[in-house]
Protein backbone atom coordinates (compact mmCIF):
# COMPACT_ATOMS: atom_id res chain seq x y z
CA MET A 1 5.10 33.12 120.07
CA LYS A 2 7.40 30.45 121.49
CA VAL A 3 11.15 30.42 120.81
CA HIS A 4 11.05 27.12 118.92
CA LYS A 5 8.62 28.75 116.45
CA ILE A 6 10.49 32.04 116.10
CA ILE A 7 13.86 30.53 115.09
CA PRO A 8 12.60 28.61 111.97
CA LEU A 9 10.66 31.72 110.88
CA LEU A 10 13.76 33.90 111.26
CA LEU A 11 15.87 31.45 109.28
CA MET A 12 13.26 31.32 106.50
CA LEU A 13 13.17 35.13 106.22
CA LEU A 14 16.96 35.32 106.10
CA ALA A 15 17.07 32.64 103.42
CA LEU A 16 14.68 34.68 101.28
CA ALA A 17 16.64 37.88 101.88
CA TYR A 18 20.01 36.36 101.00
CA GLY A 19 18.92 33.78 98.47
CA GLN A 20 20.57 35.63 95.57
CA SER A 21 24.34 35.45 95.21
CA LYS A 22 26.06 38.84 95.59
CA VAL A 23 29.71 37.84 95.36
CA GLY A 24 32.04 40.83 95.17
CA THR A 25 29.52 43.43 96.34
CA THR A 26 30.97 44.32 99.76
CA ALA A 27 34.06 46.05 101.14
CA GLY A 28 36.37 44.86 103.91
CA ASN A 29 36.09 41.24 102.88
CA PHE A 30 39.13 40.29 104.97
CA LEU A 31 36.64 40.35 107.87
CA GLN A 32 35.21 37.08 106.53
CA ILE A 33 38.53 35.23 106.71
CA GLY A 34 38.00 33.19 109.85
CA VAL A 35 40.45 33.19 112.74
CA GLY A 36 41.45 30.73 115.46
CA CYS A 37 42.97 27.32 114.77
CA ARG A 38 40.26 25.50 116.68
CA ALA A 39 37.42 27.03 114.68
CA ILE A 40 39.21 26.70 111.34
CA ALA A 41 40.12 23.03 111.91
CA MET A 42 36.44 22.37 112.64
CA GLY A 43 35.37 23.84 109.31
CA GLY A 44 34.43 27.23 110.73
CA SER A 45 31.59 25.80 112.86
CA ALA A 46 32.24 27.86 115.97
CA VAL A 47 29.23 30.04 116.77
CA SER A 48 27.96 27.94 119.68
CA TYR A 49 31.10 26.72 121.48
CA GLY A 50 34.50 28.26 122.19
CA MET A 51 37.47 27.61 124.48
CA ASP A 52 39.83 30.51 123.75
CA ALA A 53 39.82 34.25 123.10
CA SER A 54 39.47 33.78 119.32
CA ALA A 55 35.85 32.70 119.91
CA VAL A 56 35.02 36.44 120.16
CA TYR A 57 35.41 36.65 116.37
CA TRP A 58 32.63 34.10 115.81
CA ASN A 59 30.31 35.02 118.66
CA PRO A 60 31.11 37.68 121.31
CA ALA A 61 28.82 35.92 123.80
CA LEU A 62 31.35 33.07 124.03
CA ALA A 63 33.82 35.35 125.82
CA ALA A 64 31.71 34.88 128.95
CA ASN A 65 32.67 31.17 128.96
CA LEU A 66 36.28 32.01 129.82
CA LYS A 67 36.86 31.66 133.55
CA GLN A 68 40.43 32.99 133.39
CA ASN A 69 42.08 35.93 131.70
CA GLN A 70 43.46 34.96 128.31
CA ALA A 71 45.69 36.46 125.63
CA TYR A 72 45.65 34.99 122.12
CA PHE A 73 47.58 35.44 118.87
CA ASN A 74 46.92 33.84 115.46
CA ASN A 75 49.05 34.07 112.30
CA ILE A 76 47.53 33.19 108.91
CA SER A 77 49.60 32.57 105.77
CA TRP A 78 47.12 33.55 103.06
CA PHE A 79 47.45 33.38 99.27
CA ALA A 80 49.86 35.40 97.10
CA GLY A 81 52.09 36.38 100.00
CA ILE A 82 49.26 38.04 101.94
CA ASN A 83 49.71 37.87 105.69
CA LEU A 84 47.02 38.18 108.35
CA ASN A 85 47.43 38.48 112.10
CA TYR A 86 44.75 38.32 114.77
CA GLY A 87 45.23 39.08 118.45
CA GLY A 88 42.85 39.20 121.37
CA LEU A 89 42.71 39.69 125.11
CA VAL A 90 39.80 38.69 127.37
CA LEU A 91 39.65 39.67 131.05
CA ASN A 92 37.31 37.99 133.54
CA LEU A 93 35.73 40.58 135.85
CA GLY A 94 33.73 38.10 137.89
CA ARG A 95 30.09 39.03 138.36
CA PHE A 96 30.56 42.10 136.16
CA GLY A 97 31.14 39.89 133.12
CA ASN A 98 34.07 39.65 130.74
CA VAL A 99 35.66 42.40 128.66
CA GLY A 100 37.98 42.03 125.71
CA ALA A 101 39.97 43.80 123.04
CA SER A 102 41.00 42.45 119.66
CA PHE A 103 42.75 43.45 116.46
CA TYR A 104 42.83 41.93 112.99
CA VAL A 105 45.37 43.14 110.42
CA MET A 106 45.85 42.20 106.75
CA ASN A 107 48.95 43.23 104.78
CA SER A 108 49.44 42.45 101.10
CA GLY A 109 53.18 43.10 101.09
CA GLU A 110 54.75 45.43 98.54
CA MET A 111 53.44 45.33 94.97
CA GLU A 112 54.72 47.16 91.89
CA VAL A 113 52.71 50.02 90.41
CA THR A 114 51.79 49.44 86.75
CA THR A 115 49.94 51.71 84.32
CA GLU A 116 48.58 51.46 80.79
CA GLU A 117 51.68 53.30 79.57
CA ARG A 118 54.08 51.33 81.83
CA PRO A 119 52.69 47.79 82.12
CA GLU A 120 56.17 46.57 83.08
CA GLY A 121 56.07 48.83 86.17
CA THR A 122 56.85 52.41 87.07
CA GLY A 123 59.42 51.62 89.75
CA GLU A 124 57.02 52.66 92.49
CA LEU A 125 55.67 50.27 95.12
CA PHE A 126 52.38 50.21 97.02
CA THR A 127 50.65 48.06 99.66
CA VAL A 128 47.11 47.15 100.62
CA GLN A 129 46.44 47.20 104.36
CA GLU A 130 43.24 46.54 106.26
CA LEU A 131 42.62 46.74 109.98
CA SER A 132 39.85 45.96 112.42
CA ALA A 133 40.06 46.88 116.12
CA GLY A 134 37.32 45.92 118.55
CA LEU A 135 36.15 46.17 122.15
CA THR A 136 33.98 43.37 123.54
CA TYR A 137 31.67 42.98 126.50
CA SER A 138 30.13 39.62 127.37
CA ARG A 139 28.14 38.38 130.33
CA GLN A 140 26.43 35.27 131.65
CA LEU A 141 22.86 36.39 132.36
CA THR A 142 21.54 33.12 133.76
CA GLN A 143 22.91 29.66 134.38
CA ARG A 144 22.30 28.79 130.73
CA PHE A 145 22.08 32.07 128.82
CA PHE A 146 25.04 34.20 127.62
CA MET A 147 25.13 37.34 125.52
CA GLY A 148 27.80 39.70 124.21
CA GLY A 149 28.70 42.41 121.75
CA THR A 150 31.75 43.88 120.03
CA PHE A 151 32.15 47.45 118.79
CA LYS A 152 34.64 47.65 115.89
CA TYR A 153 36.52 50.28 113.96
CA ILE A 154 37.50 49.16 110.43
CA HIS A 155 40.09 50.89 108.24
CA SER A 156 41.29 50.11 104.72
CA SER A 157 44.07 51.70 102.65
CA ILE A 158 45.22 51.08 99.06
CA TRP A 159 48.27 53.21 98.27
CA ASN A 160 47.01 56.78 98.91
CA MET A 161 43.31 55.91 99.11
CA LYS A 162 41.60 55.23 102.43
CA ALA A 163 38.22 54.15 103.77
CA SER A 164 36.83 53.50 107.24
CA ALA A 165 33.69 52.28 108.95
CA ILE A 166 32.28 51.33 112.32
CA ALA A 167 30.38 48.12 113.01
CA VAL A 168 29.07 45.85 115.75
CA ASP A 169 28.99 42.11 116.33
CA LEU A 170 26.17 40.73 118.51
CA GLY A 171 25.84 37.21 119.83
CA LEU A 172 23.85 34.83 122.02
CA SER A 173 24.68 31.42 123.47
CA TYR A 174 22.24 29.05 125.19
CA ARG A 175 23.02 25.84 127.05
CA THR A 176 19.83 23.83 126.68
CA PRO A 177 18.35 21.70 129.48
CA TYR A 178 19.61 18.75 127.42
CA GLU A 179 23.08 19.34 128.85
CA PRO A 180 25.26 18.18 125.92
CA LEU A 181 23.38 20.46 123.47
CA ILE A 182 24.41 24.12 123.03
CA LEU A 183 22.87 26.69 120.68
CA GLY A 184 24.56 29.82 119.37
CA MET A 185 23.62 32.78 117.19
CA SER A 186 25.51 35.86 116.01
CA ILE A 187 25.47 38.68 113.49
CA SER A 188 28.84 40.09 112.41
CA ASN A 189 29.95 43.37 110.80
CA PHE A 190 26.63 45.18 110.99
CA GLY A 191 27.51 48.82 110.45
CA SER A 192 28.21 51.74 108.16
CA GLU A 193 29.33 51.62 104.53
CA MET A 194 32.91 52.10 103.31
CA ARG A 195 33.95 54.55 100.58
CA LEU A 196 37.50 55.08 99.34
CA HIS A 197 38.76 58.67 99.19
CA GLY A 198 42.13 60.33 98.76
CA PRO A 199 44.50 62.05 96.33
CA ASP A 200 44.50 59.16 93.85
CA ALA A 201 40.91 60.10 92.98
CA ALA A 202 42.15 63.41 91.54
CA VAL A 203 42.04 63.82 87.73
CA ARG A 204 42.68 66.68 85.32
CA PHE A 205 39.39 67.87 83.88
CA ASP A 206 38.53 70.01 80.87
CA PRO A 207 35.06 71.52 81.49
CA ASP A 208 34.47 72.06 77.76
CA PRO A 209 36.84 70.21 75.39
CA ARG A 210 35.12 71.84 72.40
CA VAL A 211 36.53 75.26 73.30
CA ASP A 212 40.19 76.08 72.65
CA GLY A 213 42.17 78.19 75.05
CA ASN A 214 40.26 77.41 78.22
CA ASN A 215 41.85 75.81 81.29
CA ASP A 216 42.11 72.12 80.52
CA GLY A 217 44.04 71.30 83.70
CA ILE A 218 41.43 71.85 86.39
CA ILE A 219 41.83 69.33 89.22
CA ALA A 220 38.63 67.38 89.87
CA TYR A 221 37.91 64.53 92.25
CA GLN A 222 36.08 61.39 91.22
CA ILE A 223 33.36 60.34 93.65
CA THR A 224 33.72 56.66 94.52
CA ARG A 225 30.80 54.46 95.45
CA SER A 226 30.03 53.36 99.02
CA TRP A 227 29.90 49.64 99.74
CA ASP A 228 28.31 47.61 102.51
CA LEU A 229 30.38 45.62 104.97
CA PRO A 230 30.24 41.80 104.72
CA VAL A 231 27.38 41.11 107.14
CA THR A 232 27.03 37.47 108.20
CA PHE A 233 24.31 35.86 110.29
CA ARG A 234 25.28 32.56 111.93
CA PHE A 235 23.11 30.03 113.68
CA GLY A 236 24.56 26.81 115.00
CA THR A 237 24.67 24.02 117.51
CA ALA A 238 27.27 21.92 119.29
CA TYR A 239 26.63 18.53 120.86
CA GLU A 240 28.92 16.53 123.15
CA VAL A 241 28.39 12.98 121.93
CA ILE A 242 30.85 11.66 124.52
CA LYS A 243 31.76 13.45 127.72
CA SER A 244 33.79 11.84 130.48
CA GLU A 245 36.68 12.70 132.75
CA PHE A 246 39.12 11.16 130.25
CA ASN A 247 37.80 12.12 126.82
CA THR A 248 35.22 14.23 125.01
CA LEU A 249 33.79 14.03 121.48
CA LEU A 250 32.11 17.21 120.23
CA VAL A 251 30.28 17.69 116.92
CA SER A 252 29.18 21.11 115.67
CA LEU A 253 27.15 22.54 112.81
CA ASP A 254 26.70 26.16 111.70
CA VAL A 255 24.37 27.61 109.08
CA LEU A 256 25.61 30.90 107.56
CA TYR A 257 23.65 33.63 105.79
CA PRO A 258 26.12 36.19 104.30
CA ASN A 259 24.96 39.28 102.45
CA ASN A 260 27.56 38.77 99.68
CA ASN A 261 27.16 35.09 98.86
CA GLU A 262 24.75 32.19 98.92
CA ASN A 263 23.88 30.42 102.16
CA TYR A 264 26.04 27.49 103.25
CA VAL A 265 26.86 25.14 106.12
CA ASN A 266 30.04 24.52 108.13
CA ALA A 267 30.51 21.30 110.11
CA GLY A 268 33.20 19.96 112.41
CA ILE A 269 34.24 17.43 115.02
CA GLU A 270 36.68 17.59 117.94
CA TYR A 271 38.11 14.80 120.07
CA SER A 272 39.91 15.79 123.26
CA ILE A 273 41.81 13.83 125.90
CA GLN A 274 41.49 15.19 129.43
CA ASN A 275 40.58 18.51 127.82
CA ARG A 276 44.30 19.07 127.14
CA TYR A 277 45.06 17.34 123.84
CA PHE A 278 42.88 17.92 120.77
CA LEU A 279 42.32 16.45 117.31
CA ARG A 280 39.90 18.20 114.96
CA ALA A 281 38.45 17.90 111.47
CA GLY A 282 35.70 19.59 109.50
CA TYR A 283 34.29 20.73 106.20
CA ARG A 284 33.50 24.32 105.23
CA GLN A 285 31.02 25.84 102.77
CA LEU A 286 28.87 22.76 102.31
CA PHE A 287 26.13 23.23 99.67
CA LEU A 288 27.80 26.41 98.32
CA ASN A 289 28.07 26.52 94.53
CA ASP A 290 31.61 26.94 93.14
CA ALA A 291 33.26 26.56 96.57
CA GLU A 292 36.99 25.85 96.40
CA GLY A 293 38.10 23.00 98.63
CA GLY A 294 36.47 22.56 102.00
CA PHE A 295 38.28 19.92 104.06
CA THR A 296 39.96 21.14 107.25
CA ILE A 297 42.04 19.43 109.93
CA GLY A 298 44.16 20.39 112.92
CA GLY A 299 45.11 19.84 116.51
CA GLY A 300 46.50 21.43 119.61
CA MET A 301 47.45 21.05 123.24
CA TRP A 302 47.58 22.87 126.54
CA LEU A 303 51.03 22.92 128.13
CA LYS A 304 50.12 24.09 131.62
CA ASN A 305 48.65 27.53 130.87
CA ILE A 306 49.93 27.82 127.28
CA LEU A 307 47.79 26.79 124.30
CA ILE A 308 49.51 25.74 121.05
CA ASP A 309 47.28 25.16 118.02
CA TYR A 310 47.59 24.37 114.31
CA ALA A 311 45.04 24.19 111.48
CA TYR A 312 45.14 23.28 107.79
CA SER A 313 42.43 24.34 105.33
CA ASP A 314 42.18 22.94 101.80
CA ARG A 315 41.27 25.63 99.24
CA GLY A 316 41.03 23.57 96.05
CA ARG A 317 42.76 25.21 93.09
CA LEU A 318 44.10 27.84 95.49
CA ASN A 319 46.07 25.11 97.31
CA ASN A 320 45.84 25.48 101.09
CA VAL A 321 46.02 27.87 104.00
CA GLN A 322 47.83 27.16 107.28
CA TYR A 323 47.15 28.69 110.68
CA ILE A 324 49.32 28.81 113.80
CA SER A 325 48.16 30.21 117.12
CA LEU A 326 49.30 30.67 120.71
CA GLY A 327 47.19 31.31 123.78
CA LEU A 328 48.08 32.20 127.35
CA SER A 329 45.76 31.88 130.35
CA PHE A 330 46.59 33.82 133.49
């Protein structure tokens, strides 16, 4: 069967599999908060084209596009005082391909412990922290075909409770014979389930409350349920409408099939001058019911070998999210 027949069939099967909304049915959902100012400003349509180390998050195959070593850091000011930081490093090993390492950390900040008996607070404080650390390998197999993968360790902690999992991201990128057209495909967070465990699951248990005088203070542990990771399949395309020595106009479109939500589309546009100065805009979660906001915008510039980027994402009733990133090529 030819490739152009396989892709529509695969998309149809995924649409049937993920047609039902499953919001709130996965763990580690911070993994779905996109990173990289370029991708965010373009509405999250980044599976087929990347220019910095943050592209590994969207499609590990894109790491092979980097001809120089690059370090990258992205800070995200999320809602309710939550802070997220993403960092990555990609090294070009020539004909052996590219290797990379990345981390993604979420911290809720300190929150006050409340109980049914002390709704005003107990005086204790707790935090929610989540971490993902990954190793990436990417290689250009032919003049037009790239592939890559990331192995990730994921850890989550809520006060004294912890959970962990391992997962992989896999991606492909193909520069079609129609030179301005690029195709990309990736699957993210495919791995084991997460289950919280720890001392906070301990409860005092009376094996037979009908009998007086028995031990009513036996320590028992509640068994928590295991939850899938937020798996997302992305398929997209990027097309250079204008490409010259002075300026470039790129449009991109991604179709997403998450296992914890309905399917939706991200779209974006980027205008660059001499491939050094960039203006971007996009719209995220098109055709998704009950989506909050969607409009995105941003820009950036290369100052010699330093990349400075900014992105703004409208989140409707949740106001907005702002991203700042720095990159260094060496």
